[in-house]
PDB file of N, CA and C in Angstrom:
ATOM      1  N   MET A   1      67.111  95.375 122.489  1.00  0.00           N
ATOM      2  CA  MET A   1      66.358  96.294 121.684  1.00  0.00           C
ATOM      3  C   MET A   1      67.348  97.011 120.753  1.00  0.00           C
ATOM      4  N   GLN A   2      67.009  97.076 119.503  1.00  0.00           N
ATOM      5  CA  GLN A   2      67.858  97.738 118.526  1.00  0.00           C
ATOM      6  C   GLN A   2      67.515  99.222 118.437  1.00  0.00           C
ATOM      7  N   GLU A   3      68.364  99.985 117.747  1.00  0.00           N
ATOM      8  CA  GLU A   3      68.168 101.434 117.637  1.00  0.00           C
ATOM      9  C   GLU A   3      66.801 101.796 117.072  1.00  0.00           C
ATOM     10  N   LYS A   4      66.362 101.065 116.067  1.00  0.00           N
ATOM     11  CA  LYS A   4      65.074 101.356 115.440  1.00  0.00           C
ATOM     12  C   LYS A   4      63.933 101.223 116.448  1.00  0.00           C
ATOM     13  N   GLU A   5      63.965 100.169 117.240  1.00  0.00           N
ATOM     14  CA  GLU A   5      62.928  99.965 118.254  1.00  0.00           C
ATOM     15  C   GLU A   5      63.029 101.002 119.371  1.00  0.00           C
ATOM     16  N   ALA A   6      64.260 101.366 119.734  1.00  0.00           N
ATOM     17  CA  ALA A   6      64.467 102.364 120.778  1.00  0.00           C
ATOM     18  C   ALA A   6      63.953 103.729 120.339  1.00  0.00           C
ATOM     19  N   ARG A   7      64.154 104.069 119.083  1.00  0.00           N
ATOM     20  CA  ARG A   7      63.659 105.337 118.544  1.00  0.00           C
ATOM     21  C   ARG A   7      62.128 105.361 118.602  1.00  0.00           C
ATOM     22  N   ALA A   8      61.495 104.243 118.268  1.00  0.00           N
ATOM     23  CA  ALA A   8      60.036 104.152 118.329  1.00  0.00           C
ATOM     24  C   ALA A   8      59.552 104.274 119.778  1.00  0.00           C
ATOM     25  N   LEU A   9      60.281 103.692 120.713  1.00  0.00           N
ATOM     26  CA  LEU A   9      59.940 103.798 122.130  1.00  0.00           C
ATOM     27  C   LEU A   9      60.017 105.247 122.586  1.00  0.00           C
ATOM     28  N   LYS A  10      61.047 105.957 122.155  1.00  0.00           N
ATOM     29  CA  LYS A  10      61.203 107.371 122.510  1.00  0.00           C
ATOM     30  C   LYS A  10      60.069 108.206 121.921  1.00  0.00           C
ATOM     31  N   GLU A  11      59.740 107.963 120.664  1.00  0.00           N
ATOM     32  CA  GLU A  11      58.697 108.731 119.995  1.00  0.00           C
ATOM     33  C   GLU A  11      57.309 108.465 120.579  1.00  0.00           C
ATOM     34  N   SER A  12      57.112 107.278 121.138  1.00  0.00           N
ATOM     35  CA  SER A  12      55.816 106.957 121.737  1.00  0.00           C
ATOM     36  C   SER A  12      55.646 107.582 123.123  1.00  0.00           C
ATOM     37  N   GLY A  13      56.735 108.087 123.709  1.00  0.00           N
ATOM     38  CA  GLY A  13      56.657 108.714 125.020  1.00  0.00           C
ATOM     39  C   GLY A  13      56.776 107.755 126.179  1.00  0.00           C
ATOM     40  N   ASN A  14      57.154 106.511 125.923  1.00  0.00           N
ATOM     41  CA  ASN A  14      57.260 105.510 126.990  1.00  0.00           C
ATOM     42  C   ASN A  14      58.661 105.387 127.571  1.00  0.00           C
ATOM     43  N   LEU A  15      59.604 106.167 127.074  1.00  0.00           N
ATOM     44  CA  LEU A  15      60.986 106.092 127.559  1.00  0.00           C
ATOM     45  C   LEU A  15      61.169 107.063 128.712  1.00  0.00           C
ATOM     46  N   SER A  16      61.494 106.537 129.874  1.00  0.00           N
ATOM     47  CA  SER A  16      61.655 107.350 131.073  1.00  0.00           C
ATOM     48  C   SER A  16      63.045 107.954 131.154  1.00  0.00           C
ATOM     49  N   ASN A  17      64.074 107.145 130.926  1.00  0.00           N
ATOM     50  CA  ASN A  17      65.452 107.589 131.117  1.00  0.00           C
ATOM     51  C   ASN A  17      66.384 106.701 130.303  1.00  0.00           C
ATOM     52  N   ILE A  18      67.553 107.235 130.004  1.00  0.00           N
ATOM     53  CA  ILE A  18      68.615 106.445 129.388  1.00  0.00           C
ATOM     54  C   ILE A  18      69.820 106.515 130.309  1.00  0.00           C
ATOM     55  N   VAL A  19      70.408 105.372 130.582  1.00  0.00           N
ATOM     56  CA  VAL A  19      71.571 105.297 131.456  1.00  0.00           C
ATOM     57  C   VAL A  19      72.743 104.741 130.652  1.00  0.00           C
ATOM     58  N   ILE A  20      73.836 105.498 130.605  1.00  0.00           N
ATOM     59  CA  ILE A  20      75.064 105.034 129.978  1.00  0.00           C
ATOM     60  C   ILE A  20      75.950 104.522 131.099  1.00  0.00           C
ATOM     61  N   GLN A  21      76.360 103.264 130.987  1.00  0.00           N
ATOM     62  CA  GLN A  21      77.111 102.637 132.079  1.00  0.00           C
ATOM     63  C   GLN A  21      78.255 101.799 131.541  1.00  0.00           C
ATOM     64  N   ARG A  22      79.215 101.521 132.408  1.00  0.00           N
ATOM     65  CA  ARG A  22      80.343 100.681 132.028  1.00  0.00           C
ATOM     66  C   ARG A  22      79.843  99.272 131.750  1.00  0.00           C
ATOM     67  N   SER A  23      80.453  98.623 130.760  1.00  0.00           N
ATOM     68  CA  SER A  23      80.066  97.247 130.458  1.00  0.00           C
ATOM     69  C   SER A  23      80.591  96.335 131.563  1.00  0.00           C
ATOM     70  N   GLY A  24      80.082  95.125 131.607  1.00  0.00           N
ATOM     71  CA  GLY A  24      80.452  94.186 132.660  1.00  0.00           C
ATOM     72  C   GLY A  24      81.933  93.868 132.718  1.00  0.00           C
ATOM     73  N   ASP A  25      82.601  93.856 131.582  1.00  0.00           N
ATOM     74  CA  ASP A  25      84.029  93.542 131.555  1.00  0.00           C
ATOM     75  C   ASP A  25      84.904  94.799 131.535  1.00  0.00           C
ATOM     76  N   ASN A  26      84.293  95.978 131.705  1.00  0.00           N
ATOM     77  CA  ASN A  26      84.980  97.270 131.723  1.00  0.00           C
ATOM     78  C   ASN A  26      85.771  97.545 130.452  1.00  0.00           C
ATOM     79  N   ARG A  27      85.314  97.023 129.331  1.00  0.00           N
ATOM     80  CA  ARG A  27      85.984  97.271 128.054  1.00  0.00           C
ATOM     81  C   ARG A  27      85.276  98.346 127.236  1.00  0.00           C
ATOM     82  N   GLY A  28      84.195  98.879 127.741  1.00  0.00           N
ATOM     83  CA  GLY A  28      83.456  99.880 126.990  1.00  0.00           C
ATOM     84  C   GLY A  28      82.235 100.343 127.756  1.00  0.00           C
ATOM     85  N   TRP A  29      81.276 100.884 127.014  1.00  0.00           N
ATOM     86  CA  TRP A  29      80.078 101.479 127.584  1.00  0.00           C
ATOM     87  C   TRP A  29      78.837 100.870 126.951  1.00  0.00           C
ATOM     88  N   THR A  30      77.787 100.704 127.740  1.00  0.00           N
ATOM     89  CA  THR A  30      76.517 100.190 127.247  1.00  0.00           C
ATOM     90  C   THR A  30      75.428 101.229 127.506  1.00  0.00           C
ATOM     91  N   VAL A  31      74.309 101.071 126.802  1.00  0.00           N
ATOM     92  CA  VAL A  31      73.183 101.989 126.941  1.00  0.00           C
ATOM     93  C   VAL A  31      71.980 101.194 127.444  1.00  0.00           C
ATOM     94  N   LYS A  32      71.457 101.608 128.605  1.00  0.00           N
ATOM     95  CA  LYS A  32      70.272 100.965 129.182  1.00  0.00           C
ATOM     96  C   LYS A  32      69.084 101.891 128.999  1.00  0.00           C
ATOM     97  N   LEU A  33      67.998 101.348 128.494  1.00  0.00           N
ATOM     98  CA  LEU A  33      66.766 102.101 128.268  1.00  0.00           C
ATOM     99  C   LEU A  33      65.791 101.776 129.396  1.00  0.00           C
ATOM    100  N   VAL A  34      65.354 102.789 130.112  1.00  0.00           N
ATOM    101  CA  VAL A  34      64.440 102.618 131.233  1.00  0.00           C
ATOM    102  C   VAL A  34      63.075 103.157 130.811  1.00  0.00           C
ATOM    103  N   THR A  35      62.054 102.313 130.904  1.00  0.00           N
ATOM    104  CA  THR A  35      60.706 102.724 130.523  1.00  0.00           C
ATOM    105  C   THR A  35      59.894 103.079 131.767  1.00  0.00           C
ATOM    106  N   TYR A  36      58.762 103.710 131.553  1.00  0.00           N
ATOM    107  CA  TYR A  36      57.900 104.101 132.669  1.00  0.00           C
ATOM    108  C   TYR A  36      57.289 102.907 133.387  1.00  0.00           C
ATOM    109  N   ASN A  37      57.122 101.786 132.711  1.00  0.00           N
ATOM    110  CA  ASN A  37      56.536 100.615 133.371  1.00  0.00           C
ATOM    111  C   ASN A  37      57.583  99.754 134.077  1.00  0.00           C
ATOM    112  N   GLY A  38      58.840 100.218 134.132  1.00  0.00           N
ATOM    113  CA  GLY A  38      59.884  99.514 134.862  1.00  0.00           C
ATOM    114  C   GLY A  38      60.584  98.420 134.075  1.00  0.00           C
ATOM    115  N   ASP A  39      60.327  98.344 132.795  1.00  0.00           N
ATOM    116  CA  ASP A  39      60.936  97.326 131.946  1.00  0.00           C
ATOM    117  C   ASP A  39      62.249  97.867 131.371  1.00  0.00           C
ATOM    118  N   ASP A  40      63.367  97.577 132.048  1.00  0.00           N
ATOM    119  CA  ASP A  40      64.679  98.043 131.592  1.00  0.00           C
ATOM    120  C   ASP A  40      65.217  97.107 130.528  1.00  0.00           C
ATOM    121  N   GLN A  41      65.726  97.675 129.440  1.00  0.00           N
ATOM    122  CA  GLN A  41      66.304  96.876 128.368  1.00  0.00           C
ATOM    123  C   GLN A  41      67.616  97.494 127.936  1.00  0.00           C
ATOM    124  N   MET A  42      68.505  96.666 127.445  1.00  0.00           N
ATOM    125  CA  MET A  42      69.783  97.128 126.938  1.00  0.00           C
ATOM    126  C   MET A  42      69.679  97.338 125.429  1.00  0.00           C
ATOM    127  N   LEU A  43      70.419  98.301 124.929  1.00  0.00           N
ATOM    128  CA  LEU A  43      70.504  98.506 123.492  1.00  0.00           C
ATOM    129  C   LEU A  43      71.366  97.388 122.925  1.00  0.00           C
ATOM    130  N   ASN A  44      70.840  96.651 121.963  1.00  0.00           N
ATOM    131  CA  ASN A  44      71.532  95.500 121.390  1.00  0.00           C
ATOM    132  C   ASN A  44      72.138  95.847 120.047  1.00  0.00           C
ATOM    133  N   SER A  45      73.132  95.043 119.658  1.00  0.00           N
ATOM    134  CA  SER A  45      73.692  95.195 118.325  1.00  0.00           C
ATOM    135  C   SER A  45      72.744  94.561 117.314  1.00  0.00           C
ATOM    136  N   LYS A  46      72.940  94.858 116.054  1.00  0.00           N
ATOM    137  CA  LYS A  46      72.030  94.368 115.026  1.00  0.00           C
ATOM    138  C   LYS A  46      72.180  92.876 114.780  1.00  0.00           C
ATOM    139  N   ARG A  47      73.342  92.332 115.021  1.00  0.00           N
ATOM    140  CA  ARG A  47      73.602  90.945 114.648  1.00  0.00           C
ATOM    141  C   ARG A  47      73.471  89.945 115.783  1.00  0.00           C
ATOM    142  N   SER A  48      73.328  90.418 117.008  1.00  0.00           N
ATOM    143  CA  SER A  48      73.186  89.480 118.117  1.00  0.00           C
ATOM    144  C   SER A  48      72.287  90.091 119.186  1.00  0.00           C
ATOM    145  N   LYS A  49      71.950  89.300 120.149  1.00  0.00           N
ATOM    146  CA  LYS A  49      71.108  89.759 121.258  1.00  0.00           C
ATOM    147  C   LYS A  49      71.948  90.269 122.423  1.00  0.00           C
ATOM    148  N   ASP A  50      73.280  90.245 122.271  1.00  0.00           N
ATOM    149  CA  ASP A  50      74.162  90.757 123.314  1.00  0.00           C
ATOM    150  C   ASP A  50      74.079  92.275 123.361  1.00  0.00           C
ATOM    151  N   PRO A  51      74.283  92.866 124.529  1.00  0.00           N
ATOM    152  CA  PRO A  51      74.262  94.331 124.611  1.00  0.00           C
ATOM    153  C   PRO A  51      75.347  94.940 123.726  1.00  0.00           C
ATOM    154  N   ARG A  52      74.991  96.035 123.092  1.00  0.00           N
ATOM    155  CA  ARG A  52      75.949  96.738 122.243  1.00  0.00           C
ATOM    156  C   ARG A  52      76.951  97.453 123.134  1.00  0.00           C
ATOM    157  N   VAL A  53      78.239  97.278 122.846  1.00  0.00           N
ATOM    158  CA  VAL A  53      79.300  97.886 123.642  1.00  0.00           C
ATOM    159  C   VAL A  53      79.981  98.955 122.792  1.00  0.00           C
ATOM    160  N   PHE A  54      79.987 100.170 123.306  1.00  0.00           N
ATOM    161  CA  PHE A  54      80.653 101.291 122.649  1.00  0.00           C
ATOM    162  C   PHE A  54      82.042 101.448 123.253  1.00  0.00           C
ATOM    163  N   LYS A  55      83.037 101.751 122.438  1.00  0.00           N
ATOM    164  CA  LYS A  55      84.408 101.877 122.940  1.00  0.00           C
ATOM    165  C   LYS A  55      84.587 103.098 123.830  1.00  0.00           C
ATOM    166  N   THR A  56      83.856 104.169 123.528  1.00  0.00           N
ATOM    167  CA  THR A  56      83.969 105.397 124.329  1.00  0.00           C
ATOM    168  C   THR A  56      82.582 105.848 124.770  1.00  0.00           C
ATOM    169  N   ALA A  57      82.566 106.621 125.843  1.00  0.00           N
ATOM    170  CA  ALA A  57      81.295 107.182 126.314  1.00  0.00           C
ATOM    171  C   ALA A  57      80.756 108.173 125.290  1.00  0.00           C
ATOM    172  N   ASP A  58      81.653 108.858 124.580  1.00  0.00           N
ATOM    173  CA  ASP A  58      81.229 109.810 123.560  1.00  0.00           C
ATOM    174  C   ASP A  58      80.452 109.114 122.444  1.00  0.00           C
ATOM    175  N   ALA A  59      80.881 107.929 122.061  1.00  0.00           N
ATOM    176  CA  ALA A  59      80.163 107.162 121.035  1.00  0.00           C
ATOM    177  C   ALA A  59      78.775 106.769 121.535  1.00  0.00           C
ATOM    178  N   ALA A  60      78.662 106.432 122.801  1.00  0.00           N
ATOM    179  CA  ALA A  60      77.356 106.094 123.379  1.00  0.00           C
ATOM    180  C   ALA A  60      76.443 107.315 123.392  1.00  0.00           C
ATOM    181  N   PHE A  61      77.005 108.494 123.697  1.00  0.00           N
ATOM    182  CA  PHE A  61      76.212 109.726 123.679  1.00  0.00           C
ATOM    183  C   PHE A  61      75.745 110.065 122.263  1.00  0.00           C
ATOM    184  N   ARG A  62      76.591 109.859 121.270  1.00  0.00           N
ATOM    185  CA  ARG A  62      76.186 110.119 119.887  1.00  0.00           C
ATOM    186  C   ARG A  62      75.035 109.207 119.479  1.00  0.00           C
ATOM    187  N   CYS A  63      75.065 107.964 119.938  1.00  0.00           N
ATOM    188  CA  CYS A  63      73.970 107.033 119.656  1.00  0.00           C
ATOM    189  C   CYS A  63      72.674 107.548 120.292  1.00  0.00           C
ATOM    190  N   CYS A  64      72.763 108.058 121.501  1.00  0.00           N
ATOM    191  CA  CYS A  64      71.581 108.614 122.173  1.00  0.00           C
ATOM    192  C   CYS A  64      71.031 109.805 121.398  1.00  0.00           C
ATOM    193  N   GLN A  65      71.909 110.613 120.842  1.00  0.00           N
ATOM    194  CA  GLN A  65      71.454 111.747 120.032  1.00  0.00           C
ATOM    195  C   GLN A  65      70.724 111.268 118.795  1.00  0.00           C
ATOM    196  N   ARG A  66      71.214 110.198 118.170  1.00  0.00           N
ATOM    197  CA  ARG A  66      70.529 109.639 117.001  1.00  0.00           C
ATOM    198  C   ARG A  66      69.134 109.154 117.367  1.00  0.00           C
ATOM    199  N   LEU A  67      68.966 108.700 118.605  1.00  0.00           N
ATOM    200  CA  LEU A  67      67.658 108.234 119.069  1.00  0.00           C
ATOM    201  C   LEU A  67      66.711 109.397 119.373  1.00  0.00           C
ATOM    202  N   GLY A  68      67.249 110.606 119.447  1.00  0.00           N
ATOM    203  CA  GLY A  68      66.433 111.768 119.747  1.00  0.00           C
ATOM    204  C   GLY A  68      66.393 112.109 121.223  1.00  0.00           C
ATOM    205  N   VAL A  69      67.293 111.554 121.990  1.00  0.00           N
ATOM    206  CA  VAL A  69      67.341 111.786 123.430  1.00  0.00           C
ATOM    207  C   VAL A  69      68.221 113.003 123.709  1.00  0.00           C
ATOM    208  N   THR A  70      67.761 113.888 124.583  1.00  0.00           N
ATOM    209  CA  THR A  70      68.539 115.076 124.915  1.00  0.00           C
ATOM    210  C   THR A  70      69.165 115.004 126.308  1.00  0.00           C
ATOM    211  N   VAL A  71      68.677 114.091 127.145  1.00  0.00           N
ATOM    212  CA  VAL A  71      69.203 113.956 128.505  1.00  0.00           C
ATOM    213  C   VAL A  71      69.481 112.481 128.772  1.00  0.00           C
ATOM    214  N   ALA A  72      70.689 112.193 129.278  1.00  0.00           N
ATOM    215  CA  ALA A  72      71.058 110.832 129.651  1.00  0.00           C
ATOM    216  C   ALA A  72      71.825 110.867 130.959  1.00  0.00           C
ATOM    217  N   THR A  73      71.773 109.781 131.692  1.00  0.00           N
ATOM    218  CA  THR A  73      72.470 109.656 132.963  1.00  0.00           C
ATOM    219  C   THR A  73      73.686 108.753 132.765  1.00  0.00           C
ATOM    220  N   VAL A  74      74.810 109.129 133.393  1.00  0.00           N
ATOM    221  CA  VAL A  74      76.015 108.309 133.316  1.00  0.00           C
ATOM    222  C   VAL A  74      76.199 107.628 134.657  1.00  0.00           C
ATOM    223  N   ASP A  75      76.332 106.314 134.629  1.00  0.00           N
ATOM    224  CA  ASP A  75      76.526 105.514 135.833  1.00  0.00           C
ATOM    225  C   ASP A  75      77.940 104.955 135.795  1.00  0.00           C
ATOM    226  N   LEU A  76      78.817 105.492 136.663  1.00  0.00           N
ATOM    227  CA  LEU A  76      80.199 105.035 136.695  1.00  0.00           C
ATOM    228  C   LEU A  76      80.320 103.827 137.582  1.00  0.00           C
TER     229      LEU A  76
END
């Protein structure tokens, strides 16, 4: 899911939680979007379907702010 779609999900009220977690290779941070119906999706980059990897947790938090999210969970 791209930022534009994630913003629409947030505005529709279907977004339950956002989880910022370490990427699988521990080279950065990813953002997982959790919906009320249990359909978890990763925030994707614009050019591929791979999960978007942020170099720092702060960059991931700034992305969440752009989406309009005020509360996020960090999973170490």
